Each structure stands twice: as structure tokens, then as C-alpha cells.
């Protein structure tokens, strides 16, 4: 059972259509050529007959015979000689009444001419198709004029339609050969086009291509991950809805070079260099993305780079908060252990009868704890920030770091979203802790935190300063601290090294603040965050 044409491949359908069109064009061309040949042959026969008739009409012997009004056998002989030499079918000489003086059939000499002669008798010329004694023919009739200009007779010359058809038929082999050559060339051209189409469509049929496109389009719009394809020249060839959203691409991004789409240089390089990457964290202006890339190939041929993107912004913020909470938990656990040791010490002193020493020891520990609580909580600052600083203080104590929080720390409640407070303050203090414990001696492990409110005209800003006694930042890296992946430490777990400062920079930009970095000696981060005065509830 033959397959339906609808199931043919696109290449086969293209070939069939082109062959059909070519055959139709050739057939129409042959018919047109045949009609044109008949017309040309008729025009050529008319012109030849007219020339012969005029020549015979001007022959002196003919003029003299018609002027005398007496038929002469010489006219018959002359007319037949002319007919044979000019390859016409009849040359008839007649008087003005139409009585023949000559005819191819001598028996018809003396009979009346069959056809229209009225216009010729009046001095005109007649051209017509008429059926006479020899059958249908193309004929001309011209007058014979005497020396005085009067019409004394007529000359009719004709070529039968049979002779015309035979002449046209003689041209048919040439026309058919030309048509066959045209059909062959068209077929070869159609075969070449079909071959190229088959190669470009992989031999797939119309239905398969349509279904493939529909499925491809549906999948691209349905996947929750961003998917992009970049060609060898660094131009974006494909981007689904999620990728456009995550990267903030313009509507006309497809087909344009990545360098023109407003992406960071590092992200542009990562998307186009063809290297294999797996779950790398990358930052845009307002998002944290998990990027995976791999070379895109087809049958061993490199097409470009395919990349997937996942939004990890919320997860990274939550992870940072979780790290802070975990640190606080570890510090509290350590403090609980330390408190247990101190309680055992106090109890032992009492059991040994050193009651005064036990009271003095307990009072000193209580004073230290109360001083920290009064310093942080009693400052009237944002409660979330106070809790964070208490936790960081416990961490500092556990790690042997001298964390100094200014006594007049003032962060108005509600000035900045609490989630952003944790991100900014927590990351800066954690980085400071890591900096001072990297190689400094215990006596030099100091971190200073100062928080204040500054006013510049009608604009009020929270100013956060975090300084440490660590080695500071190298001079050539001060401008790099806000980039994703910048770190003076080794790569940490889960690829999160260097993400903290980038998160801080990203958050500060979103809050329309500023970030300044100085050092060495040490490193000092100064952040200014403007806030609405109506948000101040302190």
C-alpha cells in the first residue's frame, strides 16, 4: 500500500510539486509554441502568396491577355510555371467577372472563381480563408491594371490549409525536443532542490516537522528552568520564557550577540566559551543564578553552547540566614557548656567553704553578660539586629575574637527590611571574623561595628561600619569585592565562597545605598542606606 502524499517527506513533496509545475509549464509552452508556429506559418504563407500575386498581376503578358479579353493558353502555362516555382497550391488568372484563364486543373479553366472578388474588382486586395475546388485555403486576390489604370482582371494565389498544417508538423520534432530538454533540466533542478531540502529537513515529513515544532515550543514554555543556546559566534539563538525573565533579556534578543544584551562580562564569557560547568553560582543585578553549561553538538559538529539557569536568590538569602542561625546555635551550645563549667566551679567553691570567692566569681560573669545585653539590646535599635549582634558576640567569644560594638549603635526599627539587615550585617561580620582568624594572633583578633544615623538635608541614612584587624584587602582587589566569586580564601563547600560580599553589594544596590571599602591596614566596609523618615519608629 502506497503512502499518502501527506506522509511524504518535505523534500519528496517539494520534488513532486516542482516536477508537476515544470511539466505544466513545458506543456503550456509547447501548446503556445505550436499555436505561434501555426500563426507564423500562416503569416508567412499570406506574405508569400501576396508577393506572387502582385508579381503575376504586373507581368506584361498577363496584362495584355486580360486587356484583350481573349483567354490564351500561354497564360495557363505561365501560371502553372509560377505555381510550381513558388510552391503555392494555385495561381488563378481571371477577368473581372471571375472567369478563370488558368487553374491547376485545366478542366476548370473557363469556370467561375469560387471566392470573394468584389473588393479586388474595385482596385483593392482580398485576403481570406475560403474553401474552393482544392479545399480550405489561405488566398489573396489582387487586381490587374491596364496602362490607363483601369482594372482589367484579377490574380488569385493560394496555399491550402493542408499544406500549412504539413509545414507546421515538420516543426513539431524541434518543438518536442526543446520541450523535452526543458523538462529534463527542470527535473534535474527539482532533484537538486529536493536533495538540499532533504538534507536541511533531515528527511522529515510535514507532519513530523509540525509536531516537532509544536512539542519543542510547548517544552520551552513549560520548563521551569531557564534554557538558552548560544552559537559559535556568541549570538543568542534560543531563550525560553524563564531565561528571558531571569536574565532580563529584551524582546529582540534572539539573533543578537550576547555582548549587546547588557549581561556582565563574566556571565557573557561563561555562556559562550563552550566550557563544561555544573551548578556554578552567578550574580546578575538582582538575582543569584545556578548556571550549568555544556557544548551543544550534532553528529560530531559543534553548534555552540547550551546553558540552563535556576533562580537561587531566595534560597541563598535563606541559606545565609540559616548559617547565621546555625552559628548562633553553636555559640549558645558552647556558652551552655561554658556556663555548666562555671556553675560547677561556683558549686565546688561553695562546697569547699570559699563562699566569698564563689560570689565574686559569679558576680564577675554576670557583669560581663549584663554589660553585653545592656550594650546591644538597651540601645533601642532594631530588635532583629540586636538579636543578630548578640549571637555574633557569642560567636566572637567562642572563636577568641574581640567584637566591639559601639555603645551608641542606632538602627531605627523598620528603616530597612529585616531580611536585608541579616544579609548585610551578618555577611560583613562573618567575613571580618574569617579575616582576623586567618593568620592574625589572638591578641590582634578585633572586629569593630559601628551603626549610626546620618542626615544630609532631608535625606536620612543608616551608616554601618565594619572594620577588622586582619591583613586587609590587596590594593588590586578593592574594586573586585562586589563581584560574584571574589574571595581571599579558598573555595568553600557548595561553591559559596565569595558569594557573601556579592550578596551584600547586590542588596545595597537594590536599597539604593552605597558601599565603600578601604584598607589595609585591616579592612573597613562603610555602607550607607537611605530610608524614609516615616519608617523610623524609634
Protein backbone atom coordinates (compact mmCIF):
# COMPACT_ATOMS: atom_id res chain seq x y z
CA UNK A 1 0.00 0.00 0.00
CA UNK A 2 1.47 3.34 -1.08
CA UNK A 3 1.98 6.05 1.47
CA UNK A 4 -0.27 9.08 1.27
CA UNK A 5 1.40 12.19 -0.19
CA UNK A 6 0.82 13.87 3.18
CA UNK A 7 3.20 11.34 4.73
CA UNK A 8 5.94 12.05 2.21
CA UNK A 9 8.97 13.92 3.43
CA UNK A 10 9.10 17.64 2.76
CA UNK A 11 11.86 17.01 0.22
CA UNK A 12 9.73 14.46 -1.67
CA UNK A 13 6.71 16.74 -1.66
CA UNK A 14 8.86 19.61 -2.91
CA UNK A 15 10.28 17.44 -5.70
CA UNK A 16 6.81 16.22 -6.76
CA UNK A 17 5.39 19.73 -6.80
CA UNK A 18 8.31 21.13 -8.74
CA UNK A 19 8.11 18.31 -11.31
CA UNK A 20 4.37 18.87 -11.70
CA UNK A 21 4.84 22.60 -12.14
CA UNK A 22 7.69 22.04 -14.62
CA UNK A 23 5.62 19.61 -16.70
CA UNK A 24 2.69 22.00 -16.69
CA UNK A 25 4.93 24.88 -17.79
CA UNK A 26 6.51 22.76 -20.53
CA UNK A 27 3.09 21.59 -21.77
CA UNK A 28 1.74 25.13 -21.85
CA UNK A 29 4.92 26.25 -23.58
CA UNK A 30 4.59 23.54 -26.24
CA UNK A 31 0.99 24.45 -26.94
CA UNK A 32 1.89 28.12 -27.14
CA UNK A 33 4.83 27.35 -29.43
CA UNK A 34 2.62 25.25 -31.68
CA UNK A 35 -0.01 27.98 -31.90
CA UNK A 36 2.69 30.54 -32.56
CA UNK A 37 4.19 28.32 -35.27
CA UNK A 38 0.81 28.00 -36.99
CA UNK A 39 0.30 31.74 -36.83
CA UNK A 40 3.78 32.42 -38.13
CA UNK A 41 3.33 29.88 -40.92
CA UNK A 42 0.01 31.42 -41.93
CA UNK A 43 1.51 34.92 -41.93
CA UNK A 44 4.48 33.72 -43.97
CA UNK A 45 2.15 31.95 -46.47
CA UNK A 46 -0.01 35.07 -46.80
CA UNK A 47 3.01 37.26 -47.40
CA UNK A 48 4.40 34.83 -49.99
CA UNK A 49 1.05 34.49 -51.78
CA UNK A 50 0.62 38.27 -51.84
CA UNK A 51 4.09 38.75 -53.31
CA UNK A 52 3.46 36.12 -56.01
CA UNK A 53 0.05 37.58 -56.89
CA UNK A 54 1.38 41.12 -57.25
CA UNK A 55 4.26 39.89 -59.41
CA UNK A 56 1.94 37.94 -61.72
CA UNK A 57 -0.50 40.87 -61.88
CA UNK A 58 2.26 43.17 -63.10
CA UNK A 59 3.55 40.78 -65.80
CA UNK A 60 3.04 42.32 -69.28
CA UNK A 61 1.84 39.06 -70.84
CA UNK A 62 -0.91 38.78 -68.23
CA UNK A 63 -1.89 42.44 -68.54
CA UNK A 64 -2.06 42.15 -72.34
CA UNK A 65 -4.10 38.91 -72.28
CA UNK A 66 -6.65 40.35 -69.84
CA UNK A 67 -6.82 43.65 -71.70
CA UNK A 68 -7.66 41.85 -74.95
CA UNK A 69 -10.37 39.84 -73.21
CA UNK A 70 -9.30 36.66 -75.04
CA UNK A 71 -8.08 33.67 -72.96
CA UNK A 72 -4.65 32.44 -74.07
CA UNK A 73 -3.04 29.04 -73.43
CA UNK A 74 0.13 30.97 -72.68
CA UNK A 75 -1.49 32.38 -69.51
CA UNK A 76 -2.25 28.84 -68.26
CA UNK A 77 1.31 27.73 -68.90
CA UNK A 78 2.77 30.84 -67.25
CA UNK A 79 0.54 30.49 -64.18
CA UNK A 80 1.44 26.83 -63.70
CA UNK A 81 5.11 27.57 -64.06
CA UNK A 82 4.87 30.27 -61.38
CA UNK A 83 2.86 27.97 -59.09
CA UNK A 84 5.46 25.25 -59.22
CA UNK A 85 8.41 27.60 -58.72
CA UNK A 86 6.84 29.42 -55.74
CA UNK A 87 5.49 26.27 -54.03
CA UNK A 88 1.96 27.65 -53.94
CA UNK A 89 -1.12 25.50 -54.49
CA UNK A 90 -2.85 27.58 -57.11
CA UNK A 91 -2.29 30.64 -59.31
CA UNK A 92 -5.53 31.67 -60.99
CA UNK A 93 -5.75 34.46 -63.55
CA UNK A 94 -9.32 35.64 -64.22
CA UNK A 95 -11.26 38.50 -65.73
CA UNK A 96 -13.30 40.95 -63.69
CA UNK A 97 -16.33 38.61 -63.83
CA UNK A 98 -14.33 35.83 -62.19
CA UNK A 99 -13.95 33.63 -65.26
CA UNK A 100 -10.72 31.66 -64.92
CA UNK A 101 -7.94 31.94 -67.54
CA UNK A 102 -5.79 29.46 -65.54
CA UNK A 103 -6.15 26.73 -62.93
CA UNK A 104 -4.07 23.79 -61.63
CA UNK A 105 -6.81 21.60 -63.09
CA UNK A 106 -7.02 22.58 -66.78
CA UNK A 107 -10.60 21.24 -66.91
CA UNK A 108 -11.71 24.11 -64.68
CA UNK A 109 -10.36 26.84 -66.92
CA UNK A 110 -13.33 28.89 -68.09
CA UNK A 111 -15.32 28.27 -64.90
CA UNK A 112 -16.04 30.94 -62.32
CA UNK A 113 -13.68 31.52 -59.44
CA UNK A 114 -15.02 30.43 -56.04
CA UNK A 115 -14.43 33.20 -53.50
CA UNK A 116 -14.86 36.90 -52.88
CA UNK A 117 -13.51 39.22 -55.56
CA UNK A 118 -15.66 42.35 -55.21
CA UNK A 119 -13.08 44.41 -53.37
CA UNK A 120 -10.35 43.42 -55.82
CA UNK A 121 -12.53 44.44 -58.77
CA UNK A 122 -12.77 47.91 -57.21
CA UNK A 123 -8.98 48.10 -57.05
CA UNK A 124 -8.41 46.69 -53.57
CA UNK A 125 -6.84 43.49 -52.32
CA UNK A 126 -8.54 40.49 -50.71
CA UNK A 127 -7.02 38.21 -48.04
CA UNK A 128 -9.24 35.40 -46.78
CA UNK A 129 -9.62 31.78 -45.79
CA UNK A 130 -12.04 30.08 -48.12
CA UNK A 131 -12.95 26.58 -49.27
CA UNK A 132 -12.62 26.23 -53.02
CA UNK A 133 -12.12 23.41 -55.50
CA UNK A 134 -8.89 22.39 -53.76
CA UNK A 135 -10.33 22.54 -50.25
CA UNK A 136 -9.79 25.10 -47.45
CA UNK A 137 -7.01 27.52 -48.26
CA UNK A 138 -5.43 30.85 -47.37
CA UNK A 139 -5.76 33.01 -50.53
CA UNK A 140 -5.15 36.52 -51.77
CA UNK A 141 -6.78 38.29 -54.72
CA UNK A 142 -5.18 41.37 -56.35
CA UNK A 143 -6.31 43.47 -59.33
CA UNK A 144 -4.58 43.60 -62.72
CA UNK A 145 -4.49 47.14 -64.04
CA UNK A 146 -4.01 48.31 -67.60
CA UNK A 147 -1.76 51.12 -68.70
CA UNK A 148 -4.65 53.53 -68.15
CA UNK A 149 -5.12 52.39 -64.58
CA UNK A 150 -8.37 50.55 -65.07
CA UNK A 151 -8.90 47.07 -63.60
CA UNK A 152 -8.91 44.59 -66.46
CA UNK A 153 -8.63 41.36 -64.48
CA UNK A 154 -7.67 39.60 -61.24
CA UNK A 155 -4.95 37.24 -59.99
CA UNK A 156 -5.65 34.83 -57.09
CA UNK A 157 -2.84 32.91 -55.34
CA UNK A 158 -3.49 30.45 -52.55
CA UNK A 159 -1.95 27.83 -50.25
CA UNK A 160 -4.15 25.08 -48.89
CA UNK A 161 -4.58 24.55 -45.16
CA UNK A 162 -3.30 21.02 -45.61
CA UNK A 163 0.00 22.38 -46.86
CA UNK A 164 0.17 24.82 -43.96
CA UNK A 165 -0.52 22.05 -41.43
CA UNK A 166 2.13 19.91 -43.04
CA UNK A 167 4.67 22.71 -42.72
CA UNK A 168 3.81 23.18 -39.04
CA UNK A 169 4.01 19.44 -38.44
CA UNK A 170 7.52 19.46 -39.81
CA UNK A 171 8.45 21.76 -36.92
CA UNK A 172 6.95 19.53 -34.22
CA UNK A 173 10.08 17.38 -33.68
CA UNK A 174 12.09 20.50 -32.92
CA UNK A 175 9.40 21.80 -30.56
CA UNK A 176 9.10 18.44 -28.79
CA UNK A 177 12.87 18.16 -28.47
CA UNK A 178 13.04 21.63 -26.94
CA UNK A 179 10.19 20.76 -24.56
CA UNK A 180 11.88 17.51 -23.54
CA UNK A 181 15.15 19.36 -22.88
CA UNK A 182 13.31 21.96 -20.79
CA UNK A 183 11.52 19.21 -18.83
CA UNK A 184 14.80 17.37 -18.24
CA UNK A 185 16.56 20.50 -17.00
CA UNK A 186 13.61 21.33 -14.76
CA UNK A 187 13.63 17.80 -13.38
CA UNK A 188 17.35 17.97 -12.64
CA UNK A 189 16.87 21.33 -10.93
CA UNK A 190 13.97 19.97 -8.89
CA UNK A 191 16.08 16.95 -7.89
CA UNK A 192 18.89 19.21 -6.68
CA UNK A 193 16.46 21.37 -4.71
CA UNK A 194 14.83 18.27 -3.23
CA UNK A 195 18.21 16.88 -2.24
CA UNK A 196 19.15 20.09 -0.47
CA UNK A 197 15.74 20.26 1.19
CA UNK A 198 16.07 16.65 2.34
CA UNK A 199 19.44 17.42 3.87
CA UNK A 200 18.14 20.52 5.62
CA UNK A 201 14.96 18.86 6.94
CA UNK A 202 16.69 15.55 7.79
CA UNK A 203 14.22 13.72 5.60
CA UNK A 204 11.29 14.55 7.88
CA UNK A 205 7.75 14.96 6.65
CA UNK A 206 5.46 17.95 7.01
CA UNK A 207 3.54 16.40 9.89
CA UNK A 208 6.72 15.38 11.69
CA UNK A 209 8.18 18.86 11.39
CA UNK A 210 4.97 20.46 12.60
CA UNK A 211 4.71 18.11 15.58
CA UNK A 212 8.39 18.60 16.36
CA UNK A 213 7.96 22.37 16.40
CA UNK A 214 4.78 22.18 18.49
CA UNK A 215 6.42 19.87 21.05
CA UNK A 216 9.60 21.95 21.08
CA UNK A 217 7.65 25.16 21.63
CA UNK A 218 5.48 23.56 24.34
CA UNK A 219 8.52 22.20 26.20
CA UNK A 220 10.36 25.52 26.08
CA UNK A 221 7.40 27.34 27.58
CA UNK A 222 6.70 24.62 30.16
CA UNK A 223 10.12 24.03 31.74
CA UNK A 224 10.71 25.93 34.95
CA UNK A 225 14.45 26.32 34.32
CA UNK A 226 15.94 28.92 32.04
CA UNK A 227 17.31 27.43 28.81
CA UNK A 228 19.45 29.27 26.29
CA UNK A 229 21.53 28.30 23.24
CA UNK A 230 24.45 30.41 22.02
CA UNK A 231 26.09 29.74 18.65
CA UNK A 232 29.79 29.65 17.81
CA UNK A 233 29.87 33.40 17.10
CA UNK A 234 28.46 34.27 20.53
CA UNK A 235 24.95 35.12 19.26
CA UNK A 236 21.88 34.13 21.22
CA UNK A 237 19.87 31.64 19.14
CA UNK A 238 17.33 30.42 21.67
CA UNK A 239 15.98 31.57 25.02
CA UNK A 240 12.82 30.33 26.70
CA UNK A 241 10.49 32.44 28.83
CA UNK A 242 12.25 31.63 32.11
CA UNK A 243 15.69 32.53 30.73
CA UNK A 244 14.35 35.85 29.43
CA UNK A 245 12.89 36.58 32.87
CA UNK A 246 15.98 35.57 34.85
CA UNK A 247 18.44 37.46 32.66
CA UNK A 248 16.16 40.42 31.90
CA UNK A 249 16.66 40.00 28.15
CA UNK A 250 14.95 42.36 25.67
CA UNK A 251 12.23 41.11 23.32
CA UNK A 252 14.56 41.23 20.30
CA UNK A 253 17.42 39.35 21.99
CA UNK A 254 17.31 36.33 19.67
CA UNK A 255 19.98 36.56 16.99
CA UNK A 256 21.94 39.33 18.72
CA UNK A 257 25.45 38.97 20.22
CA UNK A 258 25.49 38.35 23.97
CA UNK A 259 27.77 41.35 24.41
CA UNK A 260 24.90 43.63 23.32
CA UNK A 261 22.36 42.26 25.82
CA UNK A 262 23.60 44.04 28.95
CA UNK A 263 25.00 40.95 30.71
CA UNK A 264 28.12 41.12 32.83
CA UNK A 265 31.39 40.25 31.03
CA UNK A 266 31.95 37.19 33.23
CA UNK A 267 28.45 35.85 32.58
CA UNK A 268 28.80 36.54 28.85
CA UNK A 269 32.04 34.55 28.79
CA UNK A 270 30.53 31.70 30.77
CA UNK A 271 27.59 31.43 28.37
CA UNK A 272 29.66 31.43 25.19
CA UNK A 273 33.08 29.83 25.81
CA UNK A 274 31.75 26.27 25.46
CA UNK A 275 33.33 25.04 28.71
CA UNK A 276 31.55 22.46 30.83
CA UNK A 277 30.18 23.91 34.04
CA UNK A 278 27.95 22.36 36.67
CA UNK A 279 25.88 24.28 39.21
CA UNK A 280 28.01 27.44 39.38
CA UNK A 281 26.60 30.42 41.22
CA UNK A 282 26.38 33.59 39.13
CA UNK A 283 25.01 37.00 40.01
CA UNK A 284 23.03 39.39 37.83
CA UNK A 285 21.92 42.81 39.01
CA UNK A 286 19.16 41.42 41.23
CA UNK A 287 19.38 37.62 41.13
CA UNK A 288 21.56 34.73 42.16
CA UNK A 289 21.55 32.05 39.47
CA UNK A 290 22.78 28.47 39.33
CA UNK A 291 24.45 28.07 35.95
CA UNK A 292 25.29 24.86 34.10
CA UNK A 293 26.80 24.87 30.61
CA UNK A 294 27.86 22.25 28.11
CA UNK A 295 28.91 22.19 24.46
CA UNK A 296 26.00 21.68 22.04
CA UNK A 297 26.91 19.21 19.28
CA UNK A 298 25.13 17.39 16.45
CA UNK A 299 26.68 14.37 14.76
CA UNK A 300 30.10 15.44 15.94
CA UNK A 301 29.66 19.02 14.75
CA UNK A 302 29.90 21.81 17.32
CA UNK A 303 26.83 24.06 17.26
CA UNK A 304 27.55 26.29 20.24
CA UNK A 305 26.84 26.26 23.96
CA UNK A 306 23.69 25.22 25.78
CA UNK A 307 23.08 26.56 29.28
CA UNK A 308 20.50 26.03 31.99
CA UNK A 309 19.68 28.60 34.67
CA UNK A 310 17.92 28.19 38.01
CA UNK A 311 16.90 31.02 40.30
CA UNK A 312 18.54 30.64 43.71
CA UNK A 313 18.06 34.15 45.02
CA UNK A 314 15.59 33.31 47.79
CA UNK A 315 17.45 30.12 48.64
CA UNK A 316 20.74 31.96 49.05
CA UNK A 317 19.15 34.53 51.34
CA UNK A 318 17.60 31.77 53.40
CA UNK A 319 20.90 29.87 53.42
CA UNK A 320 22.65 32.96 54.74
CA UNK A 321 20.06 33.34 57.47
CA UNK A 322 20.36 29.64 58.27
CA UNK A 323 24.14 29.95 58.54
CA UNK A 324 23.70 32.82 60.96
CA UNK A 325 21.18 30.85 62.99
CA UNK A 326 23.48 27.83 62.99
CA UNK A 327 26.34 29.98 64.18
CA UNK A 328 24.20 31.37 66.98
CA UNK A 329 23.12 27.85 67.90
CA UNK A 330 26.71 26.63 68.03
CA UNK A 331 27.68 29.64 70.11
CA UNK A 332 24.79 29.08 72.51
CA UNK A 333 25.71 25.41 72.78
CA UNK A 334 29.26 26.41 73.57
CA UNK A 335 28.04 29.02 76.02
CA UNK A 336 25.82 26.43 77.66
CA UNK A 337 28.80 24.14 78.05
CA UNK A 338 30.88 27.00 79.42
CA UNK A 339 28.06 28.02 81.78
CA UNK A 340 27.90 24.47 83.08
CA UNK A 341 31.62 24.57 83.84
CA UNK A 342 31.21 27.88 85.63
CA UNK A 343 28.28 26.60 87.67
CA UNK A 344 30.29 23.53 88.67
CA UNK A 345 33.11 25.86 89.65
CA UNK A 346 30.80 28.01 91.79
CA UNK A 347 29.26 24.95 93.44
CA UNK A 348 32.68 23.49 94.13
CA UNK A 349 33.87 26.74 95.70
CA UNK A 350 30.82 26.78 97.96
CA UNK A 351 31.38 23.14 98.94
CA UNK A 352 34.98 23.92 99.77
CA UNK A 353 33.83 26.76 102.02
CA UNK A 354 35.03 29.58 99.74
CA UNK A 355 31.68 31.32 99.69
CA UNK A 356 33.08 34.79 99.10
CA UNK A 357 35.21 33.58 96.18
CA UNK A 358 32.17 31.83 94.70
CA UNK A 359 30.09 35.02 94.98
CA UNK A 360 32.86 37.14 93.46
CA UNK A 361 33.28 34.71 90.52
CA UNK A 362 29.52 34.62 89.80
CA UNK A 363 29.20 38.40 90.03
CA UNK A 364 32.04 38.94 87.52
CA UNK A 365 30.47 36.60 84.97
CA UNK A 366 27.05 38.19 85.43
CA UNK A 367 28.51 41.66 84.94
CA UNK A 368 30.12 40.66 81.63
CA UNK A 369 26.88 39.14 80.33
CA UNK A 370 24.76 42.07 81.55
CA UNK A 371 27.16 44.59 80.01
CA UNK A 372 26.78 42.94 76.60
CA UNK A 373 23.00 42.86 76.93
CA UNK A 374 22.85 46.47 78.03
CA UNK A 375 25.19 47.49 75.22
CA UNK A 376 23.25 45.83 72.41
CA UNK A 377 19.65 45.44 73.49
CA UNK A 378 19.45 48.60 75.55
CA UNK A 379 20.49 50.75 72.61
CA UNK A 380 16.94 50.90 71.34
CA UNK A 381 18.00 49.55 67.93
CA UNK A 382 16.18 47.18 65.53
CA UNK A 383 15.29 44.01 67.57
CA UNK A 384 16.38 41.67 64.79
CA UNK A 385 19.74 43.45 64.57
CA UNK A 386 20.11 43.28 68.34
CA UNK A 387 19.49 39.54 68.34
CA UNK A 388 21.95 39.11 65.46
CA UNK A 389 24.65 41.08 67.27
CA UNK A 390 24.13 39.09 70.47
CA UNK A 391 24.59 35.89 68.51
CA UNK A 392 27.68 37.25 66.74
CA UNK A 393 29.07 38.33 70.12
CA UNK A 394 28.72 34.77 71.37
CA UNK A 395 30.44 33.50 68.22
CA UNK A 396 33.23 36.01 68.67
CA UNK A 397 33.75 34.92 72.25
CA UNK A 398 33.84 31.27 71.20
CA UNK A 399 36.44 32.00 68.44
CA UNK A 400 38.58 34.27 70.60
CA UNK A 401 37.68 37.44 68.71
CA UNK A 402 37.28 40.81 70.33
CA UNK A 403 33.96 42.08 68.87
CA UNK A 404 33.46 45.71 69.77
CA UNK A 405 30.03 47.20 69.15
CA UNK A 406 29.74 50.97 69.53
CA UNK A 407 27.78 51.98 72.60
CA UNK A 408 25.58 54.39 70.66
CA UNK A 409 24.64 51.97 67.90
CA UNK A 410 21.40 53.19 66.39
CA UNK A 411 19.49 51.37 63.65
CA UNK A 412 15.91 52.73 63.55
CA UNK A 413 13.34 49.91 63.55
CA UNK A 414 11.66 49.49 60.16
CA UNK A 415 14.24 51.56 58.27
CA UNK A 416 15.42 48.52 56.29
CA UNK A 417 13.69 45.17 55.77
CA UNK A 418 14.89 42.73 58.44
CA UNK A 419 15.85 40.16 55.81
CA UNK A 420 18.24 42.69 54.26
CA UNK A 421 19.65 43.55 57.69
CA UNK A 422 20.60 39.92 58.26
CA UNK A 423 22.13 39.69 54.78
CA UNK A 424 24.24 42.84 55.08
CA UNK A 425 25.32 42.79 58.73
CA UNK A 426 25.65 39.04 59.01
CA UNK A 427 27.84 38.64 55.91
CA UNK A 428 30.09 41.58 56.74
CA UNK A 429 30.70 40.38 60.31
CA UNK A 430 31.25 36.79 59.14
CA UNK A 431 33.81 37.97 56.58
CA UNK A 432 35.50 40.06 59.26
CA UNK A 433 35.66 37.03 61.60
CA UNK A 434 37.24 34.95 58.85
CA UNK A 435 39.72 37.73 58.07
CA UNK A 436 41.01 38.08 61.64
CA UNK A 437 41.25 34.34 62.26
CA UNK A 438 43.10 33.64 59.01
CA UNK A 439 46.57 34.32 60.37
CA UNK A 440 46.46 37.01 63.00
CA UNK A 441 47.49 36.24 66.57
CA UNK A 442 44.79 36.03 69.20
CA UNK A 443 45.77 39.41 70.63
CA UNK A 444 45.12 41.06 67.27
CA UNK A 445 41.71 39.50 66.54
CA UNK A 446 39.46 42.53 66.72
CA UNK A 447 36.31 43.48 64.85
CA UNK A 448 34.63 46.87 65.29
CA UNK A 449 30.99 47.50 64.45
CA UNK A 450 29.54 50.99 64.43
CA UNK A 451 25.98 51.89 63.49
CA UNK A 452 24.63 55.42 63.27
CA UNK A 453 22.09 57.63 61.53
CA UNK A 454 23.36 60.47 59.33
CA UNK A 455 21.36 63.32 57.83
CA UNK A 456 22.14 65.19 54.64
CA UNK A 457 19.43 67.76 54.10
CA UNK A 458 16.14 65.91 54.01
CA UNK A 459 17.81 62.55 53.37
CA UNK A 460 18.48 60.29 56.33
CA UNK A 461 20.71 57.27 56.05
CA UNK A 462 21.75 54.36 58.24
CA UNK A 463 25.54 54.17 58.26
CA UNK A 464 27.10 50.77 59.02
CA UNK A 465 30.84 50.43 59.51
CA UNK A 466 32.54 47.06 59.96
CA UNK A 467 36.31 47.13 60.45
CA UNK A 468 38.71 44.31 61.26
CA UNK A 469 42.37 43.94 62.23
CA UNK A 470 43.07 41.35 59.59
CA UNK A 471 45.59 41.61 56.73
CA UNK A 472 43.23 43.82 54.72
CA UNK A 473 42.49 43.71 51.02
CA UNK A 474 45.26 43.81 48.40
CA UNK A 475 45.34 47.10 46.55
CA UNK A 476 44.42 45.50 43.23
CA UNK A 477 41.34 43.73 44.64
CA UNK A 478 39.48 46.59 46.34
CA UNK A 479 37.30 47.09 43.24
CA UNK A 480 36.58 43.36 42.98
CA UNK A 481 34.91 42.78 46.33
CA UNK A 482 31.39 43.17 44.92
CA UNK A 483 31.88 40.62 42.15
CA UNK A 484 30.47 37.15 42.36
CA UNK A 485 33.09 34.65 43.44
CA UNK A 486 35.59 37.17 44.89
CA UNK A 487 37.29 35.82 47.94
CA UNK A 488 40.71 36.00 49.56
CA UNK A 489 40.08 32.47 50.94
CA UNK A 490 39.99 29.09 49.29
CA UNK A 491 36.90 27.61 47.68
CA UNK A 492 34.38 26.57 50.29
CA UNK A 493 31.71 23.92 50.31
CA UNK A 494 28.83 24.11 47.88
CA UNK A 495 30.69 26.72 45.87
CA UNK A 496 29.58 29.53 48.19
CA UNK A 497 32.97 31.21 48.69
CA UNK A 498 32.81 34.81 47.58
CA UNK A 499 29.03 34.94 47.40
CA UNK A 500 28.67 36.84 50.69
CA UNK A 501 30.19 40.13 49.56
CA UNK A 502 28.34 39.89 46.26
CA UNK A 503 25.07 39.43 48.14
CA UNK A 504 25.88 42.47 50.24
CA UNK A 505 26.65 44.54 47.15
CA UNK A 506 23.50 43.33 45.41
CA UNK A 507 21.33 44.15 48.43
CA UNK A 508 22.91 47.60 48.87
CA UNK A 509 22.28 48.41 45.20
CA UNK A 510 18.67 47.30 45.48
CA UNK A 511 18.21 49.56 48.51
CA UNK A 512 19.83 52.47 46.59
CA UNK A 513 22.70 52.61 49.05
CA UNK A 514 26.47 52.93 48.68
CA UNK A 515 29.36 50.62 49.61
CA UNK A 516 32.90 51.86 50.24
CA UNK A 517 35.94 49.72 51.08
CA UNK A 518 39.29 50.89 52.46
CA UNK A 519 42.43 49.16 53.71
CA UNK A 520 44.98 47.92 54.52
CA UNK A 521 45.82 48.06 57.33
CA UNK A 522 42.81 45.89 58.05
CA UNK A 523 39.64 46.27 56.01
CA UNK A 524 36.88 48.77 56.61
CA UNK A 525 33.47 48.46 54.94
CA UNK A 526 31.21 51.53 55.09
CA UNK A 527 27.62 51.17 53.91
CA UNK A 528 25.06 53.99 53.65
CA UNK A 529 21.40 53.07 53.26
CA UNK A 530 18.87 55.90 52.79
CA UNK A 531 15.48 55.37 54.39
CA UNK A 532 12.12 57.09 54.62
CA UNK A 533 11.73 59.11 57.78
CA UNK A 534 8.21 57.73 58.18
CA UNK A 535 9.77 54.30 58.64
CA UNK A 536 11.55 55.50 61.79
CA UNK A 537 9.57 54.22 64.75
CA UNK A 538 12.34 54.59 67.31
